[in-house]
Amino acid sequence: MTLTLSEAGQNVVAGTFGQAMKRAGEALGSMSGQVIEVQAPMLRRCTAAEVLAMAGGPESVVLAVYVGIFGALEGHALLLFPPADAHRLAQILLTGLLGPGELPIEATNDALVYDELELSALQESGNVTISAFLNELAMHLHEPIQPTPPQVVVEMAGAVLDAVLLDLVSDADQVLAAKTTFSEGGRAIDGTLFVLPRADSLRALLDALGAIGI
């Protein structure tokens, strides 16, 4: 099933993403004690192949936080970061939580190696960001959306996304993707938020947002 949205409909969806990312920044700020802004300057609906391209290609290594979605909206959500950006976000969060003098000392320059504190901070940042987004959507659907506990993994984008996309093989053209930027004190970290709802859930969401038929 393919839903065609007018420019006005796309603007409605983009506005909802923008408001959700604002709430995500507020939640991350409360968690870390830092002033963090989260913005989604680019939102698009795309196919499975385009999802992999946005992630940098199937062989690009990413840090991914995965959350399953149940309830009023069913499907999957993923927040992906390039490894170097993931390290930078972890340091920002941990500086607020621990203080600069208590940050873990990196024993390696390998961007693919994360210590336990970094992984925990990144897992929670993904959980907070996705949950803030889902809470915003639930307000429009007037029903709760229930996320699964977050999982964090460092792996090639193809391996991370294949299982999720396979589950949605009949809905492969129904992916919502938003480039996200986490900013703090002039520092910017790039990520990509993928929301992969099932086809009937996407139609219900777009209808609730008033994006269909305008």
C-alpha atoms as a PDB file:
ATOM      1  CA  MET A   1       0.000   0.000   0.000  1.00  0.00           C
ATOM      2  CA  THR A   2       1.375   3.402  -0.989  1.00  0.00           C
ATOM      3  CA  LEU A   3      -0.094   6.598   0.434  1.00  0.00           C
ATOM      4  CA  THR A   4       0.471   9.757  -1.557  1.00  0.00           C
ATOM      5  CA  LEU A   5       0.640  12.938   0.484  1.00  0.00           C
ATOM      6  CA  SER A   6       0.238  16.461  -0.809  1.00  0.00           C
ATOM      7  CA  GLU A   7       2.824  19.093   0.067  1.00  0.00           C
ATOM      8  CA  ALA A   8       0.471  20.340   2.786  1.00  0.00           C
ATOM      9  CA  GLY A   9       0.167  16.818   4.178  1.00  0.00           C
ATOM     10  CA  GLN A  10       3.934  16.397   4.204  1.00  0.00           C
ATOM     11  CA  ASN A  11       4.270  19.703   6.061  1.00  0.00           C
ATOM     12  CA  VAL A  12       1.856  18.454   8.727  1.00  0.00           C
ATOM     13  CA  VAL A  13       3.951  15.322   9.278  1.00  0.00           C
ATOM     14  CA  ALA A  14       7.192  17.338   9.307  1.00  0.00           C
ATOM     15  CA  GLY A  15       5.713  19.693  11.901  1.00  0.00           C
ATOM     16  CA  THR A  16       4.852  16.748  14.142  1.00  0.00           C
ATOM     17  CA  PHE A  17       8.398  15.398  13.819  1.00  0.00           C
ATOM     18  CA  GLY A  18       9.788  18.839  14.660  1.00  0.00           C
ATOM     19  CA  GLN A  19       7.671  19.155  17.802  1.00  0.00           C
ATOM     20  CA  ALA A  20       8.613  15.627  18.858  1.00  0.00           C
ATOM     21  CA  MET A  21      12.335  16.374  18.450  1.00  0.00           C
ATOM     22  CA  LYS A  22      11.929  19.519  20.557  1.00  0.00           C
ATOM     23  CA  ARG A  23      10.463  17.369  23.316  1.00  0.00           C
ATOM     24  CA  ALA A  24      13.313  14.883  22.881  1.00  0.00           C
ATOM     25  CA  GLY A  25      15.863  17.660  23.433  1.00  0.00           C
ATOM     26  CA  GLU A  26      14.063  18.763  26.589  1.00  0.00           C
ATOM     27  CA  ALA A  27      14.051  15.180  27.871  1.00  0.00           C
ATOM     28  CA  LEU A  28      17.751  14.684  27.114  1.00  0.00           C
ATOM     29  CA  GLY A  29      18.517  17.982  28.833  1.00  0.00           C
ATOM     30  CA  SER A  30      16.645  16.882  31.944  1.00  0.00           C
ATOM     31  CA  MET A  31      18.479  13.555  31.889  1.00  0.00           C
ATOM     32  CA  SER A  32      21.980  14.963  31.434  1.00  0.00           C
ATOM     33  CA  GLY A  33      21.826  18.448  32.936  1.00  0.00           C
ATOM     34  CA  GLN A  34      22.986  19.874  29.602  1.00  0.00           C
ATOM     35  CA  VAL A  35      21.182  22.208  27.198  1.00  0.00           C
ATOM     36  CA  ILE A  36      20.592  19.967  24.187  1.00  0.00           C
ATOM     37  CA  GLU A  37      18.596  20.790  21.096  1.00  0.00           C
ATOM     38  CA  VAL A  38      17.339  18.061  18.784  1.00  0.00           C
ATOM     39  CA  GLN A  39      16.199  19.096  15.335  1.00  0.00           C
ATOM     40  CA  ALA A  40      14.910  17.217  12.305  1.00  0.00           C
ATOM     41  CA  PRO A  41      15.749  19.484   9.358  1.00  0.00           C
ATOM     42  CA  MET A  42      14.894  16.845   6.774  1.00  0.00           C
ATOM     43  CA  LEU A  43      11.989  14.383   6.785  1.00  0.00           C
ATOM     44  CA  ARG A  44      11.051  12.010   3.994  1.00  0.00           C
ATOM     45  CA  ARG A  45       9.160   8.836   3.232  1.00  0.00           C
ATOM     46  CA  CYS A  46      11.327   6.309   1.496  1.00  0.00           C
ATOM     47  CA  THR A  47      11.718   2.743   0.271  1.00  0.00           C
ATOM     48  CA  ALA A  48      13.811  -0.001   1.842  1.00  0.00           C
ATOM     49  CA  ALA A  49      16.683   0.685  -0.574  1.00  0.00           C
ATOM     50  CA  GLU A  50      16.615   4.375   0.279  1.00  0.00           C
ATOM     51  CA  VAL A  51      16.730   3.536   3.992  1.00  0.00           C
ATOM     52  CA  LEU A  52      20.068   1.781   3.497  1.00  0.00           C
ATOM     53  CA  ALA A  53      21.353   4.677   1.401  1.00  0.00           C
ATOM     54  CA  MET A  54      20.431   7.178   4.123  1.00  0.00           C
ATOM     55  CA  ALA A  55      22.310   5.022   6.634  1.00  0.00           C
ATOM     56  CA  GLY A  56      25.446   5.364   4.497  1.00  0.00           C
ATOM     57  CA  GLY A  57      25.097   2.104   2.579  1.00  0.00           C
ATOM     58  CA  PRO A  58      24.759  -1.508   3.781  1.00  0.00           C
ATOM     59  CA  GLU A  59      28.463  -1.853   4.657  1.00  0.00           C
ATOM     60  CA  SER A  60      28.728   1.362   6.664  1.00  0.00           C
ATOM     61  CA  VAL A  61      29.244   0.700  10.370  1.00  0.00           C
ATOM     62  CA  VAL A  62      26.762   2.476  12.630  1.00  0.00           C
ATOM     63  CA  LEU A  63      25.773   2.583  16.266  1.00  0.00           C
ATOM     64  CA  ALA A  64      22.071   1.816  16.371  1.00  0.00           C
ATOM     65  CA  VAL A  65      19.493   2.029  19.141  1.00  0.00           C
ATOM     66  CA  TYR A  66      16.474  -0.148  18.357  1.00  0.00           C
ATOM     67  CA  VAL A  67      12.997   0.041  19.908  1.00  0.00           C
ATOM     68  CA  GLY A  68       9.997  -2.083  18.944  1.00  0.00           C
ATOM     69  CA  ILE A  69       6.609  -0.340  18.848  1.00  0.00           C
ATOM     70  CA  PHE A  70       3.248  -1.756  19.951  1.00  0.00           C
ATOM     71  CA  GLY A  71      -0.201  -0.379  20.735  1.00  0.00           C
ATOM     72  CA  ALA A  72      -1.775   2.436  18.723  1.00  0.00           C
ATOM     73  CA  LEU A  73       1.229   2.352  16.373  1.00  0.00           C
ATOM     74  CA  GLU A  74       2.950  -0.925  15.511  1.00  0.00           C
ATOM     75  CA  GLY A  75       6.328  -1.403  13.898  1.00  0.00           C
ATOM     76  CA  HIS A  76       9.919  -0.486  14.642  1.00  0.00           C
ATOM     77  CA  ALA A  77      12.041   2.585  15.400  1.00  0.00           C
ATOM     78  CA  LEU A  78      15.782   3.012  15.009  1.00  0.00           C
ATOM     79  CA  LEU A  79      18.154   5.844  15.855  1.00  0.00           C
ATOM     80  CA  LEU A  80      21.431   5.508  13.944  1.00  0.00           C
ATOM     81  CA  PHE A  81      24.707   7.380  14.445  1.00  0.00           C
ATOM     82  CA  PRO A  82      28.045   7.283  12.642  1.00  0.00           C
ATOM     83  CA  PRO A  83      30.563   5.888  15.168  1.00  0.00           C
ATOM     84  CA  ALA A  84      32.481   9.151  15.669  1.00  0.00           C
ATOM     85  CA  ASP A  85      29.248  11.113  16.234  1.00  0.00           C
ATOM     86  CA  ALA A  86      28.064   8.493  18.716  1.00  0.00           C
ATOM     87  CA  HIS A  87      31.247   8.990  20.744  1.00  0.00           C
ATOM     88  CA  ARG A  88      30.749  12.759  20.745  1.00  0.00           C
ATOM     89  CA  LEU A  89      27.145  12.450  21.932  1.00  0.00           C
ATOM     90  CA  ALA A  90      28.188  10.033  24.675  1.00  0.00           C
ATOM     91  CA  GLN A  91      30.833  12.481  25.907  1.00  0.00           C
ATOM     92  CA  ILE A  92      28.301  15.343  26.006  1.00  0.00           C
ATOM     93  CA  LEU A  93      25.835  13.251  27.993  1.00  0.00           C
ATOM     94  CA  LEU A  94      28.453  11.879  30.367  1.00  0.00           C
ATOM     95  CA  THR A  95      29.949  15.328  30.989  1.00  0.00           C
ATOM     96  CA  GLY A  96      26.558  16.388  32.320  1.00  0.00           C
ATOM     97  CA  LEU A  97      26.022  13.225  34.325  1.00  0.00           C
ATOM     98  CA  LEU A  98      29.525  12.683  35.727  1.00  0.00           C
ATOM     99  CA  GLY A  99      31.386  15.953  35.318  1.00  0.00           C
ATOM    100  CA  PRO A 100      34.450  16.473  33.076  1.00  0.00           C
ATOM    101  CA  GLY A 101      36.865  15.150  35.686  1.00  0.00           C
ATOM    102  CA  GLU A 102      35.072  11.824  35.936  1.00  0.00           C
ATOM    103  CA  LEU A 103      34.804  10.937  32.254  1.00  0.00           C
ATOM    104  CA  PRO A 104      36.232   7.542  31.315  1.00  0.00           C
ATOM    105  CA  ILE A 105      39.652   7.735  29.691  1.00  0.00           C
ATOM    106  CA  GLU A 106      39.596   6.215  26.213  1.00  0.00           C
ATOM    107  CA  ALA A 107      42.155   3.431  25.980  1.00  0.00           C
ATOM    108  CA  THR A 108      41.979   3.316  22.187  1.00  0.00           C
ATOM    109  CA  ASN A 109      41.455   5.600  19.237  1.00  0.00           C
ATOM    110  CA  ASP A 110      39.264   2.974  17.582  1.00  0.00           C
ATOM    111  CA  ALA A 111      35.931   4.696  16.847  1.00  0.00           C
ATOM    112  CA  LEU A 112      34.190   1.309  16.967  1.00  0.00           C
ATOM    113  CA  VAL A 113      35.134   0.633  20.597  1.00  0.00           C
ATOM    114  CA  TYR A 114      32.816   1.916  23.334  1.00  0.00           C
ATOM    115  CA  ASP A 115      33.105   1.412  27.059  1.00  0.00           C
ATOM    116  CA  GLU A 116      30.147   0.370  29.188  1.00  0.00           C
ATOM    117  CA  LEU A 117      29.336   3.914  30.332  1.00  0.00           C
ATOM    118  CA  GLU A 118      29.242   5.211  26.760  1.00  0.00           C
ATOM    119  CA  LEU A 119      26.977   2.403  25.578  1.00  0.00           C
ATOM    120  CA  SER A 120      24.648   2.958  28.516  1.00  0.00           C
ATOM    121  CA  ALA A 121      24.445   6.703  27.825  1.00  0.00           C
ATOM    122  CA  LEU A 122      23.822   6.161  24.107  1.00  0.00           C
ATOM    123  CA  GLN A 123      21.211   3.503  24.758  1.00  0.00           C
ATOM    124  CA  GLU A 124      19.366   5.868  27.065  1.00  0.00           C
ATOM    125  CA  SER A 125      19.685   8.772  24.621  1.00  0.00           C
ATOM    126  CA  GLY A 126      18.054   6.646  21.931  1.00  0.00           C
ATOM    127  CA  ASN A 127      15.381   5.507  24.352  1.00  0.00           C
ATOM    128  CA  VAL A 128      14.608   9.074  25.440  1.00  0.00           C
ATOM    129  CA  THR A 129      14.555  10.425  21.878  1.00  0.00           C
ATOM    130  CA  ILE A 130      12.342   7.670  20.481  1.00  0.00           C
ATOM    131  CA  SER A 131      10.042   7.682  23.512  1.00  0.00           C
ATOM    132  CA  ALA A 132       9.570  11.462  23.266  1.00  0.00           C
ATOM    133  CA  PHE A 133       8.682  11.014  19.613  1.00  0.00           C
ATOM    134  CA  LEU A 134       6.225   8.189  20.344  1.00  0.00           C
ATOM    135  CA  ASN A 135       4.598  10.201  23.127  1.00  0.00           C
ATOM    136  CA  GLU A 136       3.999  13.041  20.680  1.00  0.00           C
ATOM    137  CA  LEU A 137       2.374  10.648  18.210  1.00  0.00           C
ATOM    138  CA  ALA A 138       0.252   9.074  20.954  1.00  0.00           C
ATOM    139  CA  MET A 139      -1.227  12.498  21.733  1.00  0.00           C
ATOM    140  CA  HIS A 140      -2.602  12.621  18.188  1.00  0.00           C
ATOM    141  CA  LEU A 141      -3.767   9.017  18.168  1.00  0.00           C
ATOM    142  CA  HIS A 142      -5.395   9.402  21.628  1.00  0.00           C
ATOM    143  CA  GLU A 143      -4.107   5.941  22.552  1.00  0.00           C
ATOM    144  CA  PRO A 144      -0.864   4.798  24.181  1.00  0.00           C
ATOM    145  CA  ILE A 145       2.099   3.600  22.146  1.00  0.00           C
ATOM    146  CA  GLN A 146       4.221   1.060  23.988  1.00  0.00           C
ATOM    147  CA  PRO A 147       7.960   0.794  23.232  1.00  0.00           C
ATOM    148  CA  THR A 148      10.066  -2.255  24.014  1.00  0.00           C
ATOM    149  CA  PRO A 149      13.252  -1.859  26.088  1.00  0.00           C
ATOM    150  CA  PRO A 150      15.967  -0.277  23.911  1.00  0.00           C
ATOM    151  CA  GLN A 151      18.775  -2.335  22.435  1.00  0.00           C
ATOM    152  CA  VAL A 152      22.094  -0.864  21.291  1.00  0.00           C
ATOM    153  CA  VAL A 153      24.395  -2.471  18.745  1.00  0.00           C
ATOM    154  CA  VAL A 154      27.481  -1.502  16.726  1.00  0.00           C
ATOM    155  CA  GLU A 155      27.237  -3.218  13.360  1.00  0.00           C
ATOM    156  CA  MET A 156      27.051  -2.709   9.591  1.00  0.00           C
ATOM    157  CA  ALA A 157      23.891  -0.829   8.596  1.00  0.00           C
ATOM    158  CA  GLY A 158      22.776  -3.669   6.332  1.00  0.00           C
ATOM    159  CA  ALA A 159      22.891  -6.193   9.165  1.00  0.00           C
ATOM    160  CA  VAL A 160      21.033  -3.837  11.509  1.00  0.00           C
ATOM    161  CA  LEU A 161      18.282  -2.976   9.046  1.00  0.00           C
ATOM    162  CA  ASP A 162      17.799  -6.255   7.153  1.00  0.00           C
ATOM    163  CA  ALA A 163      15.801  -8.043   9.861  1.00  0.00           C
ATOM    164  CA  VAL A 164      13.569  -5.020  10.443  1.00  0.00           C
ATOM    165  CA  LEU A 165      12.937  -4.449   6.748  1.00  0.00           C
ATOM    166  CA  LEU A 166      12.255  -8.159   6.205  1.00  0.00           C
ATOM    167  CA  ASP A 167       9.516  -7.985   8.833  1.00  0.00           C
ATOM    168  CA  LEU A 168       7.977  -5.120   6.875  1.00  0.00           C
ATOM    169  CA  VAL A 169       8.602  -6.519   3.394  1.00  0.00           C
ATOM    170  CA  SER A 170       5.043  -5.811   2.270  1.00  0.00           C
ATOM    171  CA  ASP A 171       5.245  -2.273   3.665  1.00  0.00           C
ATOM    172  CA  ALA A 172       8.681  -1.402   2.330  1.00  0.00           C
ATOM    173  CA  ASP A 173       7.551   1.940   0.898  1.00  0.00           C
ATOM    174  CA  GLN A 174       6.109   3.099   4.213  1.00  0.00           C
ATOM    175  CA  VAL A 175       9.283   4.154   6.062  1.00  0.00           C
ATOM    176  CA  LEU A 176       9.498   7.599   7.666  1.00  0.00           C
ATOM    177  CA  ALA A 177      13.067   8.859   7.964  1.00  0.00           C
ATOM    178  CA  ALA A 178      14.301  12.058   9.588  1.00  0.00           C
ATOM    179  CA  LYS A 179      17.834  13.369   9.626  1.00  0.00           C
ATOM    180  CA  THR A 180      18.410  14.493  13.194  1.00  0.00           C
ATOM    181  CA  THR A 181      20.925  16.898  14.700  1.00  0.00           C
ATOM    182  CA  PHE A 182      21.813  16.943  18.399  1.00  0.00           C
ATOM    183  CA  SER A 183      23.365  20.288  19.354  1.00  0.00           C
ATOM    184  CA  GLU A 184      25.035  21.432  22.588  1.00  0.00           C
ATOM    185  CA  GLY A 185      27.272  24.436  23.103  1.00  0.00           C
ATOM    186  CA  GLY A 186      28.037  24.840  19.409  1.00  0.00           C
ATOM    187  CA  ARG A 187      28.758  21.143  18.930  1.00  0.00           C
ATOM    188  CA  ALA A 188      26.558  19.233  16.489  1.00  0.00           C
ATOM    189  CA  ILE A 189      26.064  15.470  16.256  1.00  0.00           C
ATOM    190  CA  ASP A 190      24.345  13.921  13.256  1.00  0.00           C
ATOM    191  CA  GLY A 191      21.996  10.948  13.421  1.00  0.00           C
ATOM    192  CA  THR A 192      19.066   9.464  11.543  1.00  0.00           C
ATOM    193  CA  LEU A 193      15.739   8.489  13.075  1.00  0.00           C
ATOM    194  CA  PHE A 194      13.830   5.778  11.219  1.00  0.00           C
ATOM    195  CA  VAL A 195      10.200   5.055  12.069  1.00  0.00           C
ATOM    196  CA  LEU A 196       9.004   1.909  10.319  1.00  0.00           C
ATOM    197  CA  PRO A 197       5.284   1.432  10.996  1.00  0.00           C
ATOM    198  CA  ARG A 198       3.103  -1.273   9.564  1.00  0.00           C
ATOM    199  CA  ALA A 199       0.928  -0.090   6.689  1.00  0.00           C
ATOM    200  CA  ASP A 200      -2.344   0.050   8.635  1.00  0.00           C
ATOM    201  CA  SER A 201      -0.615   1.884  11.500  1.00  0.00           C
ATOM    202  CA  LEU A 202       0.841   4.449   9.118  1.00  0.00           C
ATOM    203  CA  ARG A 203      -2.543   5.145   7.563  1.00  0.00           C
ATOM    204  CA  ALA A 204      -4.101   5.557  11.034  1.00  0.00           C
ATOM    205  CA  LEU A 205      -1.294   7.917  12.060  1.00  0.00           C
ATOM    206  CA  LEU A 206      -1.482  10.086   8.944  1.00  0.00           C
ATOM    207  CA  ASP A 207      -5.250  10.231   9.268  1.00  0.00           C
ATOM    208  CA  ALA A 208      -4.964  11.273  12.938  1.00  0.00           C
ATOM    209  CA  LEU A 209      -2.496  14.013  11.988  1.00  0.00           C
ATOM    210  CA  GLY A 210      -4.927  15.268   9.353  1.00  0.00           C
ATOM    211  CA  ALA A 211      -2.292  14.723   6.675  1.00  0.00           C
ATOM    212  CA  ILE A 212      -4.543  12.699   4.337  1.00  0.00           C
ATOM    213  CA  GLY A 213      -6.832  14.542   1.988  1.00  0.00           C
ATOM    214  CA  ILE A 214      -5.342  18.024   2.349  1.00  0.00           C
END
